[in-house]
């Protein structure tokens, strides 16, 4: 890692840490040589869970947009419903 990591580096690290528990579950499930359709479907469930975890983490922040602020990113404006 760079002596002075960029804000993108720090954001990536923060997200990686949040997904560690899920990754441990994926590793446990991946202890197979059987790449069947069922196994691939199981891995797809883990990917969807990781994607959904990002949404729920954002919704559960005490201060909405805190992850962006913590890493120096502008908080995107909300879109007005059509």
N, C-alpha and C. Protein backbone atom coordinates (compact mmCIF):
# COMPACT_ATOMS: atom_id res chain seq x y z
N UNK A 1 0.84 -1.17 0.00
CA UNK A 1 0.00 0.00 0.00
C UNK A 1 0.89 1.24 0.00
N UNK A 2 0.39 2.31 -0.58
CA UNK A 2 1.12 3.56 -0.65
C UNK A 2 1.34 4.14 0.75
N UNK A 3 2.42 4.94 0.89
CA UNK A 3 2.68 5.59 2.18
C UNK A 3 1.49 6.47 2.56
N UNK A 4 0.91 7.14 1.58
CA UNK A 4 -0.27 7.98 1.82
C UNK A 4 -1.39 7.46 0.93
N UNK A 5 -2.25 6.56 1.45
CA UNK A 5 -3.30 5.99 0.61
C UNK A 5 -4.29 7.07 0.17
N UNK A 6 -4.81 6.88 -1.03
CA UNK A 6 -5.82 7.82 -1.55
C UNK A 6 -7.15 7.53 -0.87
N UNK A 7 -8.10 8.44 -1.05
CA UNK A 7 -9.42 8.22 -0.45
C UNK A 7 -10.12 7.02 -1.09
N UNK A 8 -9.81 6.75 -2.35
CA UNK A 8 -10.38 5.55 -2.99
C UNK A 8 -9.80 4.29 -2.34
N UNK A 9 -8.49 4.30 -2.08
CA UNK A 9 -7.86 3.16 -1.40
C UNK A 9 -8.54 2.90 -0.05
N UNK A 10 -8.80 3.96 0.70
CA UNK A 10 -9.41 3.82 2.02
C UNK A 10 -10.86 3.36 1.92
N UNK A 11 -11.58 3.85 0.93
CA UNK A 11 -12.96 3.41 0.73
C UNK A 11 -13.00 1.93 0.38
N UNK A 12 -12.11 1.52 -0.52
CA UNK A 12 -12.06 0.10 -0.90
C UNK A 12 -11.76 -0.76 0.32
N UNK A 13 -10.84 -0.32 1.16
CA UNK A 13 -10.51 -1.07 2.36
C UNK A 13 -11.71 -1.15 3.30
N UNK A 14 -12.41 -0.06 3.48
CA UNK A 14 -13.59 -0.04 4.34
C UNK A 14 -14.64 -1.03 3.85
N UNK A 15 -14.90 -1.02 2.57
CA UNK A 15 -15.89 -1.94 1.99
C UNK A 15 -15.42 -3.39 2.13
N UNK A 16 -14.13 -3.63 1.88
CA UNK A 16 -13.60 -4.99 2.03
C UNK A 16 -13.79 -5.52 3.45
N UNK A 17 -13.54 -4.66 4.42
CA UNK A 17 -13.70 -5.08 5.82
C UNK A 17 -15.15 -5.41 6.11
N UNK A 18 -16.07 -4.62 5.57
CA UNK A 18 -17.51 -4.87 5.80
C UNK A 18 -17.95 -6.21 5.21
N UNK A 19 -17.27 -6.66 4.16
CA UNK A 19 -17.69 -7.90 3.49
C UNK A 19 -16.93 -9.14 3.98
N UNK A 20 -16.03 -8.98 4.95
CA UNK A 20 -15.21 -10.10 5.41
C UNK A 20 -16.04 -11.29 5.90
N UNK A 21 -17.06 -11.04 6.69
CA UNK A 21 -17.87 -12.14 7.22
C UNK A 21 -18.55 -12.90 6.10
N UNK A 22 -19.08 -12.17 5.14
CA UNK A 22 -19.72 -12.83 4.01
C UNK A 22 -18.70 -13.65 3.22
N UNK A 23 -17.52 -13.10 3.02
CA UNK A 23 -16.46 -13.80 2.28
C UNK A 23 -16.07 -15.10 2.99
N UNK A 24 -16.03 -15.07 4.33
CA UNK A 24 -15.74 -16.29 5.08
C UNK A 24 -16.78 -17.38 4.77
N UNK A 25 -18.04 -16.98 4.67
CA UNK A 25 -19.08 -17.94 4.34
C UNK A 25 -18.91 -18.48 2.92
N UNK A 26 -18.53 -17.60 2.00
CA UNK A 26 -18.30 -18.02 0.62
C UNK A 26 -17.16 -19.04 0.58
N UNK A 27 -16.07 -18.75 1.29
CA UNK A 27 -14.94 -19.68 1.32
C UNK A 27 -15.34 -21.03 1.87
N UNK A 28 -16.16 -21.04 2.91
CA UNK A 28 -16.60 -22.31 3.48
C UNK A 28 -17.44 -23.08 2.46
N UNK A 29 -18.30 -22.37 1.73
CA UNK A 29 -19.15 -23.03 0.74
C UNK A 29 -18.35 -23.47 -0.48
N UNK A 30 -17.22 -22.82 -0.74
CA UNK A 30 -16.45 -23.11 -1.95
C UNK A 30 -15.52 -24.31 -1.81
N UNK A 31 -15.54 -24.96 -0.69
CA UNK A 31 -14.67 -26.12 -0.48
C UNK A 31 -15.22 -27.33 -1.24
N UNK A 32 -15.32 -27.16 -2.54
CA UNK A 32 -15.85 -28.24 -3.38
C UNK A 32 -15.18 -28.19 -4.75
N UNK A 33 -15.08 -29.31 -5.38
CA UNK A 33 -14.60 -29.38 -6.76
C UNK A 33 -15.78 -29.54 -7.71
N UNK A 34 -16.98 -29.54 -7.16
CA UNK A 34 -18.18 -29.76 -7.94
C UNK A 34 -18.77 -28.42 -8.39
N UNK A 35 -18.49 -28.01 -9.60
CA UNK A 35 -18.99 -26.76 -10.14
C UNK A 35 -20.34 -27.01 -10.83
N UNK A 36 -21.27 -27.55 -10.08
CA UNK A 36 -22.59 -27.85 -10.63
C UNK A 36 -23.42 -26.57 -10.73
N UNK A 37 -24.54 -26.67 -11.41
CA UNK A 37 -25.45 -25.52 -11.51
C UNK A 37 -25.92 -25.10 -10.12
N UNK A 38 -26.14 -26.07 -9.26
CA UNK A 38 -26.59 -25.75 -7.89
C UNK A 38 -25.52 -24.95 -7.14
N UNK A 39 -24.26 -25.36 -7.28
CA UNK A 39 -23.17 -24.66 -6.61
C UNK A 39 -23.03 -23.24 -7.15
N UNK A 40 -23.13 -23.07 -8.46
CA UNK A 40 -23.05 -21.74 -9.08
C UNK A 40 -24.21 -20.87 -8.60
N UNK A 41 -25.40 -21.45 -8.49
CA UNK A 41 -26.56 -20.70 -8.00
C UNK A 41 -26.33 -20.26 -6.55
N UNK A 42 -25.69 -21.10 -5.76
CA UNK A 42 -25.37 -20.73 -4.37
C UNK A 42 -24.40 -19.56 -4.33
N UNK A 43 -23.39 -19.58 -5.18
CA UNK A 43 -22.43 -18.47 -5.23
C UNK A 43 -23.12 -17.18 -5.68
N UNK A 44 -24.07 -17.29 -6.60
CA UNK A 44 -24.82 -16.12 -7.05
C UNK A 44 -25.61 -15.52 -5.88
N UNK A 45 -26.13 -16.37 -4.99
CA UNK A 45 -26.84 -15.89 -3.81
C UNK A 45 -25.92 -15.07 -2.92
N UNK A 46 -24.68 -15.52 -2.76
CA UNK A 46 -23.72 -14.77 -1.95
C UNK A 46 -23.40 -13.42 -2.58
N UNK A 47 -23.29 -13.39 -3.89
CA UNK A 47 -23.01 -12.12 -4.59
C UNK A 47 -24.18 -11.17 -4.40
N UNK A 48 -25.40 -11.67 -4.54
CA UNK A 48 -26.57 -10.82 -4.30
C UNK A 48 -26.62 -10.34 -2.86
N UNK A 49 -26.24 -11.20 -1.93
CA UNK A 49 -26.23 -10.80 -0.52
C UNK A 49 -25.23 -9.68 -0.28
N UNK A 50 -24.07 -9.75 -0.92
CA UNK A 50 -23.07 -8.70 -0.77
C UNK A 50 -23.59 -7.38 -1.34
N UNK A 51 -24.24 -7.46 -2.47
CA UNK A 51 -24.81 -6.26 -3.10
C UNK A 51 -25.88 -5.66 -2.19
N UNK A 52 -26.75 -6.51 -1.68
CA UNK A 52 -27.80 -6.04 -0.77
C UNK A 52 -27.24 -5.50 0.53
N UNK A 53 -26.16 -6.09 1.01
CA UNK A 53 -25.54 -5.62 2.25
C UNK A 53 -25.09 -4.18 2.11
N UNK A 54 -24.61 -3.80 0.95
CA UNK A 54 -24.21 -2.42 0.72
C UNK A 54 -25.39 -1.47 0.89
N UNK A 55 -26.54 -1.86 0.37
CA UNK A 55 -27.73 -1.02 0.52
C UNK A 55 -28.16 -0.93 1.97
N UNK A 56 -28.23 -2.06 2.65
CA UNK A 56 -28.70 -2.02 4.03
C UNK A 56 -27.71 -1.29 4.94
N UNK A 57 -26.41 -1.45 4.70
CA UNK A 57 -25.43 -0.69 5.49
C UNK A 57 -25.65 0.81 5.32
N UNK A 58 -25.91 1.23 4.08
CA UNK A 58 -26.12 2.66 3.82
C UNK A 58 -27.39 3.15 4.50
N UNK A 59 -28.44 2.36 4.49
CA UNK A 59 -29.70 2.78 5.10
C UNK A 59 -29.64 2.80 6.63
N UNK A 60 -28.73 2.02 7.20
CA UNK A 60 -28.65 1.90 8.66
C UNK A 60 -27.61 2.84 9.27
N UNK A 61 -26.93 3.63 8.47
CA UNK A 61 -25.95 4.57 9.03
C UNK A 61 -26.66 5.54 9.98
N UNK A 62 -26.04 5.83 11.11
CA UNK A 62 -26.62 6.79 12.04
C UNK A 62 -26.77 8.16 11.37
N UNK A 63 -25.78 8.55 10.62
CA UNK A 63 -25.81 9.81 9.87
C UNK A 63 -25.75 9.45 8.40
N UNK A 64 -26.88 9.58 7.69
CA UNK A 64 -26.91 9.19 6.28
C UNK A 64 -25.79 9.87 5.51
N UNK A 65 -25.09 9.11 4.72
CA UNK A 65 -23.98 9.62 3.93
C UNK A 65 -22.66 9.63 4.66
N UNK A 66 -22.62 9.05 5.87
CA UNK A 66 -21.40 9.09 6.67
C UNK A 66 -20.23 8.38 5.99
N UNK A 67 -20.48 7.26 5.34
CA UNK A 67 -19.40 6.55 4.65
C UNK A 67 -18.76 7.45 3.61
N UNK A 68 -19.57 8.18 2.85
CA UNK A 68 -19.03 9.12 1.86
C UNK A 68 -18.22 10.21 2.55
N UNK A 69 -18.79 10.80 3.61
CA UNK A 69 -18.07 11.87 4.33
C UNK A 69 -16.76 11.35 4.92
N UNK A 70 -16.78 10.15 5.49
CA UNK A 70 -15.58 9.59 6.10
C UNK A 70 -14.44 9.47 5.10
N UNK A 71 -14.77 9.29 3.83
CA UNK A 71 -13.75 9.08 2.81
C UNK A 71 -13.60 10.27 1.87
N UNK A 72 -14.21 11.40 2.23
CA UNK A 72 -14.02 12.63 1.47
C UNK A 72 -14.78 12.71 0.16
N UNK A 73 -15.84 11.93 0.02
CA UNK A 73 -16.63 11.96 -1.20
C UNK A 73 -17.86 12.84 -1.01
N UNK A 74 -18.29 13.48 -2.07
CA UNK A 74 -19.50 14.28 -2.05
C UNK A 74 -20.70 13.34 -1.92
N UNK A 75 -21.66 13.73 -1.13
CA UNK A 75 -22.87 12.93 -0.97
C UNK A 75 -23.78 13.23 -2.14
N UNK A 76 -24.15 12.22 -2.91
CA UNK A 76 -25.00 12.46 -4.09
C UNK A 76 -26.36 13.01 -3.68
N UNK A 77 -26.87 13.92 -4.48
CA UNK A 77 -28.20 14.48 -4.23
C UNK A 77 -29.25 13.42 -4.54
N UNK A 78 -30.34 13.48 -3.81
CA UNK A 78 -31.44 12.55 -4.08
C UNK A 78 -32.15 12.96 -5.36
N UNK A 79 -32.55 11.96 -6.12
CA UNK A 79 -33.33 12.23 -7.33
C UNK A 79 -34.78 12.45 -6.95
N UNK A 80 -35.42 13.37 -7.62
CA UNK A 80 -36.84 13.62 -7.40
C UNK A 80 -37.63 12.60 -8.19
N UNK A 81 -38.58 11.94 -7.54
CA UNK A 81 -39.39 10.92 -8.21
C UNK A 81 -40.19 11.54 -9.32
N UNK A 82 -40.27 10.83 -10.43
CA UNK A 82 -41.01 11.35 -11.59
C UNK A 82 -42.48 11.16 -11.45
